[in-house]
C-alpha atoms as a PDB file:
ATOM      1  CA  UNK A   1      17.795   3.165 -20.237  1.00  0.00           C
ATOM      2  CA  UNK A   2      14.285   3.451 -21.687  1.00  0.00           C
ATOM      3  CA  UNK A   3      12.432   6.717 -21.236  1.00  0.00           C
ATOM      4  CA  UNK A   4       9.352   5.612 -19.263  1.00  0.00           C
ATOM      5  CA  UNK A   5       7.193   8.453 -20.559  1.00  0.00           C
ATOM      6  CA  UNK A   6       7.995   7.525 -24.166  1.00  0.00           C
ATOM      7  CA  UNK A   7       7.209   3.873 -23.515  1.00  0.00           C
ATOM      8  CA  UNK A   8       3.938   4.790 -21.841  1.00  0.00           C
ATOM      9  CA  UNK A   9       3.038   7.020 -24.766  1.00  0.00           C
ATOM     10  CA  UNK A  10       2.662   3.906 -26.879  1.00  0.00           C
ATOM     11  CA  UNK A  11       0.600   2.052 -24.301  1.00  0.00           C
ATOM     12  CA  UNK A  12      -2.958   0.847 -24.681  1.00  0.00           C
ATOM     13  CA  UNK A  13      -5.251   0.435 -21.684  1.00  0.00           C
ATOM     14  CA  UNK A  14      -8.164  -1.994 -21.803  1.00  0.00           C
ATOM     15  CA  UNK A  15     -10.696  -1.178 -19.061  1.00  0.00           C
ATOM     16  CA  UNK A  16     -13.531  -3.647 -18.599  1.00  0.00           C
ATOM     17  CA  UNK A  17     -15.030  -5.600 -15.705  1.00  0.00           C
ATOM     18  CA  UNK A  18     -15.033  -8.612 -18.078  1.00  0.00           C
ATOM     19  CA  UNK A  19     -11.727 -10.422 -17.453  1.00  0.00           C
ATOM     20  CA  UNK A  20     -12.151 -12.644 -20.518  1.00  0.00           C
ATOM     21  CA  UNK A  21     -12.541  -9.622 -22.793  1.00  0.00           C
ATOM     22  CA  UNK A  22      -9.486  -7.962 -21.247  1.00  0.00           C
ATOM     23  CA  UNK A  23      -7.430 -11.142 -21.687  1.00  0.00           C
ATOM     24  CA  UNK A  24      -8.418 -11.516 -25.343  1.00  0.00           C
ATOM     25  CA  UNK A  25      -7.629  -7.859 -26.035  1.00  0.00           C
ATOM     26  CA  UNK A  26      -4.295  -8.018 -24.242  1.00  0.00           C
ATOM     27  CA  UNK A  27      -3.287 -11.098 -26.238  1.00  0.00           C
ATOM     28  CA  UNK A  28      -4.150  -9.463 -29.581  1.00  0.00           C
ATOM     29  CA  UNK A  29      -2.539  -6.130 -28.713  1.00  0.00           C
ATOM     30  CA  UNK A  30       0.605  -7.755 -27.319  1.00  0.00           C
ATOM     31  CA  UNK A  31       0.991  -9.770 -30.526  1.00  0.00           C
ATOM     32  CA  UNK A  32       0.959  -6.461 -32.366  1.00  0.00           C
ATOM     33  CA  UNK A  33       3.802  -5.280 -30.151  1.00  0.00           C
ATOM     34  CA  UNK A  34       1.813  -2.859 -27.998  1.00  0.00           C
ATOM     35  CA  UNK A  35       2.487  -2.144 -24.356  1.00  0.00           C
ATOM     36  CA  UNK A  36      -0.806  -3.134 -22.754  1.00  0.00           C
ATOM     37  CA  UNK A  37      -2.350  -2.381 -19.373  1.00  0.00           C
ATOM     38  CA  UNK A  38      -5.477  -4.220 -18.296  1.00  0.00           C
ATOM     39  CA  UNK A  39      -7.812  -2.843 -15.619  1.00  0.00           C
ATOM     40  CA  UNK A  40     -11.263  -3.678 -14.321  1.00  0.00           C
ATOM     41  CA  UNK A  41     -12.054   0.068 -14.183  1.00  0.00           C
ATOM     42  CA  UNK A  42     -10.517   3.113 -15.881  1.00  0.00           C
ATOM     43  CA  UNK A  43     -10.958   5.133 -12.660  1.00  0.00           C
ATOM     44  CA  UNK A  44      -8.573   3.004 -10.608  1.00  0.00           C
ATOM     45  CA  UNK A  45      -5.892   5.080  -8.877  1.00  0.00           C
ATOM     46  CA  UNK A  46      -3.363   2.326  -9.664  1.00  0.00           C
ATOM     47  CA  UNK A  47      -3.042   3.767 -13.186  1.00  0.00           C
ATOM     48  CA  UNK A  48      -0.666   6.711 -12.999  1.00  0.00           C
ATOM     49  CA  UNK A  49      -1.070  10.199 -14.417  1.00  0.00           C
ATOM     50  CA  UNK A  50       1.640   9.751 -17.078  1.00  0.00           C
ATOM     51  CA  UNK A  51      -0.234   6.806 -18.535  1.00  0.00           C
ATOM     52  CA  UNK A  52      -3.571   8.629 -18.361  1.00  0.00           C
ATOM     53  CA  UNK A  53      -2.115  11.580 -20.294  1.00  0.00           C
ATOM     54  CA  UNK A  54      -0.683   9.556 -23.157  1.00  0.00           C
ATOM     55  CA  UNK A  55      -2.204   6.096 -23.550  1.00  0.00           C
ATOM     56  CA  UNK A  56      -4.995   5.017 -25.841  1.00  0.00           C
ATOM     57  CA  UNK A  57      -7.842   3.461 -23.893  1.00  0.00           C
ATOM     58  CA  UNK A  58     -10.703   1.116 -24.677  1.00  0.00           C
ATOM     59  CA  UNK A  59     -13.434   1.523 -22.040  1.00  0.00           C
ATOM     60  CA  UNK A  60     -16.353  -0.839 -21.568  1.00  0.00           C
ATOM     61  CA  UNK A  61     -19.660   1.005 -21.860  1.00  0.00           C
ATOM     62  CA  UNK A  62     -20.779  -0.663 -18.620  1.00  0.00           C
ATOM     63  CA  UNK A  63     -18.227   1.470 -16.727  1.00  0.00           C
ATOM     64  CA  UNK A  64     -19.805   4.713 -17.914  1.00  0.00           C
ATOM     65  CA  UNK A  65     -23.041   6.566 -17.096  1.00  0.00           C
ATOM     66  CA  UNK A  66     -26.141   5.522 -19.059  1.00  0.00           C
ATOM     67  CA  UNK A  67     -26.262   8.951 -20.727  1.00  0.00           C
ATOM     68  CA  UNK A  68     -23.572   9.122 -23.460  1.00  0.00           C
ATOM     69  CA  UNK A  69     -23.545  12.918 -23.268  1.00  0.00           C
ATOM     70  CA  UNK A  70     -21.717  12.533 -19.920  1.00  0.00           C
ATOM     71  CA  UNK A  71     -19.006  10.204 -21.203  1.00  0.00           C
ATOM     72  CA  UNK A  72     -16.444  12.794 -22.338  1.00  0.00           C
ATOM     73  CA  UNK A  73     -16.678  14.719 -19.096  1.00  0.00           C
ATOM     74  CA  UNK A  74     -16.219  11.698 -16.817  1.00  0.00           C
ATOM     75  CA  UNK A  75     -13.349  10.349 -18.908  1.00  0.00           C
ATOM     76  CA  UNK A  76     -11.600  13.726 -18.901  1.00  0.00           C
ATOM     77  CA  UNK A  77     -12.316  14.158 -15.166  1.00  0.00           C
ATOM     78  CA  UNK A  78     -10.290  11.009 -14.567  1.00  0.00           C
ATOM     79  CA  UNK A  79      -7.330  12.378 -16.517  1.00  0.00           C
ATOM     80  CA  UNK A  80      -7.596  10.463 -19.795  1.00  0.00           C
ATOM     81  CA  UNK A  81      -6.242  12.575 -22.650  1.00  0.00           C
ATOM     82  CA  UNK A  82      -5.232  10.059 -25.335  1.00  0.00           C
ATOM     83  CA  UNK A  83      -7.333   8.239 -27.904  1.00  0.00           C
ATOM     84  CA  UNK A  84     -10.549   6.811 -26.419  1.00  0.00           C
ATOM     85  CA  UNK A  85     -12.692   3.983 -27.772  1.00  0.00           C
ATOM     86  CA  UNK A  86     -15.933   2.891 -26.116  1.00  0.00           C
ATOM     87  CA  UNK A  87     -16.695  -0.829 -26.202  1.00  0.00           C
ATOM     88  CA  UNK A  88     -20.441  -1.320 -26.468  1.00  0.00           C
ATOM     89  CA  UNK A  89     -22.347  -3.851 -24.417  1.00  0.00           C
ATOM     90  CA  UNK A  90     -24.894  -6.375 -25.637  1.00  0.00           C
ATOM     91  CA  UNK A  91     -28.385  -4.886 -25.665  1.00  0.00           C
ATOM     92  CA  UNK A  92     -27.137  -1.304 -25.597  1.00  0.00           C
ATOM     93  CA  UNK A  93     -29.481   1.360 -26.950  1.00  0.00           C
ATOM     94  CA  UNK A  94     -26.655   3.792 -27.740  1.00  0.00           C
ATOM     95  CA  UNK A  95     -26.640   5.138 -31.291  1.00  0.00           C
ATOM     96  CA  UNK A  96     -22.963   4.998 -32.356  1.00  0.00           C
ATOM     97  CA  UNK A  97     -23.536   7.889 -34.787  1.00  0.00           C
ATOM     98  CA  UNK A  98     -24.779  10.109 -31.958  1.00  0.00           C
ATOM     99  CA  UNK A  99     -21.800   9.675 -29.628  1.00  0.00           C
ATOM    100  CA  UNK A 100     -18.922  12.136 -29.419  1.00  0.00           C
ATOM    101  CA  UNK A 101     -16.422   9.310 -28.938  1.00  0.00           C
ATOM    102  CA  UNK A 102     -15.611   6.396 -31.216  1.00  0.00           C
ATOM    103  CA  UNK A 103     -18.008   3.589 -30.292  1.00  0.00           C
ATOM    104  CA  UNK A 104     -17.693  -0.074 -31.194  1.00  0.00           C
ATOM    105  CA  UNK A 105     -21.089  -1.778 -30.842  1.00  0.00           C
ATOM    106  CA  UNK A 106     -21.329  -5.292 -29.402  1.00  0.00           C
ATOM    107  CA  UNK A 107     -20.801  -7.920 -30.490  1.00  0.00           C
ATOM    108  CA  UNK A 108     -17.477  -6.838 -31.904  1.00  0.00           C
ATOM    109  CA  UNK A 109     -14.506  -8.655 -33.274  1.00  0.00           C
ATOM    110  CA  UNK A 110     -11.338  -8.269 -31.194  1.00  0.00           C
ATOM    111  CA  UNK A 111      -9.339  -7.773 -34.402  1.00  0.00           C
ATOM    112  CA  UNK A 112     -11.549  -4.756 -35.245  1.00  0.00           C
ATOM    113  CA  UNK A 113     -10.981  -3.322 -31.771  1.00  0.00           C
ATOM    114  CA  UNK A 114      -7.228  -3.728 -32.194  1.00  0.00           C
ATOM    115  CA  UNK A 115      -7.371  -2.056 -35.598  1.00  0.00           C
ATOM    116  CA  UNK A 116      -9.242   0.962 -34.178  1.00  0.00           C
ATOM    117  CA  UNK A 117      -6.697   1.496 -31.415  1.00  0.00           C
END
């Protein structure tokens, strides 16, 4: 029997309202052998605490407040403790060098996203 917590520890969550982006990410990550969870929002209660404590997560910038200084707090408030990567949106004014979290500006290559997770 597989230890669920161990399996979840290797999981990657892709949180974006863009279903096409999530699908492309899931396909690339699954090919790499990752356990992948796709969600329209990282705040959904459908994602359990065990996954939030251990999984890596890629979060679309559009799901976060406009002020990047608030990002860490809101992500932590929702129980995310693993590796976090922010997926930039087209036209964003965020300076990737000024963010506390890893930030991948748009447009980005899915292969680069996969490599960073």
